[in-house]
């Protein structure tokens, strides 16, 4: 948080954080008045238990995983974007969200 505050104090308005794996990281970002948290996913890499866990169901599959492998799933995202196409298509989707925001 101190690092973000430092950038804001220097006059930067648009700050990109490319990785939030823990709920406390997302909550820290949400403290700032204008935040946009986007979850980019690929259907091919989504596990079979992902949706159950996201919906609050405890799943056996996470018992041996490090929290960075699953805790982010329950983050409160502003948007979720499918990354099943080209890099250009993903870029276009993200830019569209940013423009609307």
C-alpha atoms as a PDB file:
ATOM      1  CA  UNK A   1       0.000   0.000   0.000  1.00  0.00           C
ATOM      2  CA  UNK A   2       2.828   2.397   0.806  1.00  0.00           C
ATOM      3  CA  UNK A   3       4.205   1.936  -2.689  1.00  0.00           C
ATOM      4  CA  UNK A   4       0.845   2.774  -4.273  1.00  0.00           C
ATOM      5  CA  UNK A   5       0.487   5.826  -2.050  1.00  0.00           C
ATOM      6  CA  UNK A   6       3.943   6.979  -3.128  1.00  0.00           C
ATOM      7  CA  UNK A   7       2.990   6.763  -6.816  1.00  0.00           C
ATOM      8  CA  UNK A   8      -0.240   8.667  -6.196  1.00  0.00           C
ATOM      9  CA  UNK A   9       1.659  11.367  -4.325  1.00  0.00           C
ATOM     10  CA  UNK A  10       3.951  11.675  -7.357  1.00  0.00           C
ATOM     11  CA  UNK A  11       0.921  12.366  -9.554  1.00  0.00           C
ATOM     12  CA  UNK A  12       0.383   8.984 -11.169  1.00  0.00           C
ATOM     13  CA  UNK A  13      -3.324   8.308 -11.655  1.00  0.00           C
ATOM     14  CA  UNK A  14      -3.224   4.975 -13.473  1.00  0.00           C
ATOM     15  CA  UNK A  15      -1.407   2.169 -11.687  1.00  0.00           C
ATOM     16  CA  UNK A  16      -1.447  -1.441 -12.877  1.00  0.00           C
ATOM     17  CA  UNK A  17      -0.888  -4.335 -10.501  1.00  0.00           C
ATOM     18  CA  UNK A  18      -0.626  -7.511 -12.514  1.00  0.00           C
ATOM     19  CA  UNK A  19      -0.927 -10.113  -9.787  1.00  0.00           C
ATOM     20  CA  UNK A  20      -3.245 -10.329  -6.768  1.00  0.00           C
ATOM     21  CA  UNK A  21      -3.208 -13.802  -5.301  1.00  0.00           C
ATOM     22  CA  UNK A  22      -4.470 -13.042  -1.833  1.00  0.00           C
ATOM     23  CA  UNK A  23      -7.749 -11.553  -0.672  1.00  0.00           C
ATOM     24  CA  UNK A  24      -5.923  -9.003   1.496  1.00  0.00           C
ATOM     25  CA  UNK A  25      -4.174  -7.672  -1.632  1.00  0.00           C
ATOM     26  CA  UNK A  26      -7.501  -7.162  -3.383  1.00  0.00           C
ATOM     27  CA  UNK A  27      -8.997  -5.512  -0.293  1.00  0.00           C
ATOM     28  CA  UNK A  28      -6.030  -3.132  -0.170  1.00  0.00           C
ATOM     29  CA  UNK A  29      -6.620  -2.107  -3.793  1.00  0.00           C
ATOM     30  CA  UNK A  30     -10.352  -1.670  -3.152  1.00  0.00           C
ATOM     31  CA  UNK A  31      -9.557   0.998  -0.537  1.00  0.00           C
ATOM     32  CA  UNK A  32      -8.651   3.347  -3.363  1.00  0.00           C
ATOM     33  CA  UNK A  33     -11.653   5.233  -4.747  1.00  0.00           C
ATOM     34  CA  UNK A  34     -11.239   4.333  -8.401  1.00  0.00           C
ATOM     35  CA  UNK A  35     -10.158   0.721  -8.678  1.00  0.00           C
ATOM     36  CA  UNK A  36     -10.699  -1.803 -11.421  1.00  0.00           C
ATOM     37  CA  UNK A  37      -9.881  -5.426 -10.653  1.00  0.00           C
ATOM     38  CA  UNK A  38     -10.022  -7.756 -13.640  1.00  0.00           C
ATOM     39  CA  UNK A  39      -9.664 -11.522 -13.495  1.00  0.00           C
ATOM     40  CA  UNK A  40      -8.243 -12.849 -16.764  1.00  0.00           C
ATOM     41  CA  UNK A  41      -8.753 -16.575 -17.217  1.00  0.00           C
ATOM     42  CA  UNK A  42      -8.364 -19.290 -19.805  1.00  0.00           C
ATOM     43  CA  UNK A  43     -11.018 -22.004 -19.956  1.00  0.00           C
ATOM     44  CA  UNK A  44      -8.363 -24.617 -20.714  1.00  0.00           C
ATOM     45  CA  UNK A  45      -6.598 -24.025 -17.410  1.00  0.00           C
ATOM     46  CA  UNK A  46      -9.659 -23.735 -15.173  1.00  0.00           C
ATOM     47  CA  UNK A  47      -9.903 -26.672 -12.819  1.00  0.00           C
ATOM     48  CA  UNK A  48     -13.064 -28.720 -12.412  1.00  0.00           C
ATOM     49  CA  UNK A  49     -13.477 -27.524  -8.799  1.00  0.00           C
ATOM     50  CA  UNK A  50     -12.980 -23.800  -9.564  1.00  0.00           C
ATOM     51  CA  UNK A  51     -16.658 -22.806  -9.743  1.00  0.00           C
ATOM     52  CA  UNK A  52     -17.596 -24.781  -6.627  1.00  0.00           C
ATOM     53  CA  UNK A  53     -14.808 -23.178  -4.614  1.00  0.00           C
ATOM     54  CA  UNK A  54     -15.669 -19.725  -5.963  1.00  0.00           C
ATOM     55  CA  UNK A  55     -19.263 -20.235  -4.808  1.00  0.00           C
ATOM     56  CA  UNK A  56     -18.124 -20.955  -1.243  1.00  0.00           C
ATOM     57  CA  UNK A  57     -18.112 -24.729  -1.348  1.00  0.00           C
ATOM     58  CA  UNK A  58     -15.086 -26.267   0.337  1.00  0.00           C
ATOM     59  CA  UNK A  59     -13.390 -28.665  -2.057  1.00  0.00           C
ATOM     60  CA  UNK A  60     -11.013 -31.512  -1.304  1.00  0.00           C
ATOM     61  CA  UNK A  61      -8.684 -30.624  -4.169  1.00  0.00           C
ATOM     62  CA  UNK A  62      -7.140 -27.630  -2.374  1.00  0.00           C
ATOM     63  CA  UNK A  63      -6.003 -29.437   0.775  1.00  0.00           C
ATOM     64  CA  UNK A  64      -2.437 -29.964  -0.497  1.00  0.00           C
ATOM     65  CA  UNK A  65      -2.147 -26.728  -2.482  1.00  0.00           C
ATOM     66  CA  UNK A  66      -0.324 -23.565  -1.463  1.00  0.00           C
ATOM     67  CA  UNK A  67      -2.820 -20.713  -0.833  1.00  0.00           C
ATOM     68  CA  UNK A  68      -1.478 -18.802  -3.858  1.00  0.00           C
ATOM     69  CA  UNK A  69      -3.003 -21.519  -6.031  1.00  0.00           C
ATOM     70  CA  UNK A  70      -6.582 -20.986  -4.859  1.00  0.00           C
ATOM     71  CA  UNK A  71      -7.140 -18.066  -2.474  1.00  0.00           C
ATOM     72  CA  UNK A  72      -7.425 -15.561  -5.340  1.00  0.00           C
ATOM     73  CA  UNK A  73     -10.483 -17.404  -6.661  1.00  0.00           C
ATOM     74  CA  UNK A  74     -12.701 -15.815  -4.019  1.00  0.00           C
ATOM     75  CA  UNK A  75     -11.477 -12.294  -4.697  1.00  0.00           C
ATOM     76  CA  UNK A  76     -14.118  -9.728  -5.528  1.00  0.00           C
ATOM     77  CA  UNK A  77     -13.375  -8.895  -9.157  1.00  0.00           C
ATOM     78  CA  UNK A  78     -14.995  -5.985 -10.985  1.00  0.00           C
ATOM     79  CA  UNK A  79     -14.839  -7.984 -14.231  1.00  0.00           C
ATOM     80  CA  UNK A  80     -13.834 -11.394 -15.497  1.00  0.00           C
ATOM     81  CA  UNK A  81     -12.350 -11.694 -18.968  1.00  0.00           C
ATOM     82  CA  UNK A  82     -11.950 -14.862 -20.991  1.00  0.00           C
ATOM     83  CA  UNK A  83      -8.508 -15.248 -22.537  1.00  0.00           C
ATOM     84  CA  UNK A  84      -9.249 -17.961 -25.069  1.00  0.00           C
ATOM     85  CA  UNK A  85      -8.270 -16.076 -28.199  1.00  0.00           C
ATOM     86  CA  UNK A  86      -5.316 -14.101 -29.444  1.00  0.00           C
ATOM     87  CA  UNK A  87      -3.212 -11.586 -27.538  1.00  0.00           C
ATOM     88  CA  UNK A  88      -4.798  -8.831 -29.622  1.00  0.00           C
ATOM     89  CA  UNK A  89      -8.305  -9.999 -28.688  1.00  0.00           C
ATOM     90  CA  UNK A  90      -7.373 -10.015 -24.989  1.00  0.00           C
ATOM     91  CA  UNK A  91      -5.786  -6.589 -25.302  1.00  0.00           C
ATOM     92  CA  UNK A  92      -8.927  -5.244 -27.005  1.00  0.00           C
ATOM     93  CA  UNK A  93     -11.167  -6.646 -24.238  1.00  0.00           C
ATOM     94  CA  UNK A  94      -9.045  -5.087 -21.490  1.00  0.00           C
ATOM     95  CA  UNK A  95      -8.813  -1.714 -23.252  1.00  0.00           C
ATOM     96  CA  UNK A  96     -12.594  -1.686 -23.712  1.00  0.00           C
ATOM     97  CA  UNK A  97     -13.114  -2.230 -19.976  1.00  0.00           C
ATOM     98  CA  UNK A  98     -10.618   0.491 -19.120  1.00  0.00           C
ATOM     99  CA  UNK A  99     -12.272   2.952 -21.499  1.00  0.00           C
ATOM    100  CA  UNK A 100     -15.692   2.294 -19.955  1.00  0.00           C
ATOM    101  CA  UNK A 101     -14.348   2.695 -16.484  1.00  0.00           C
END
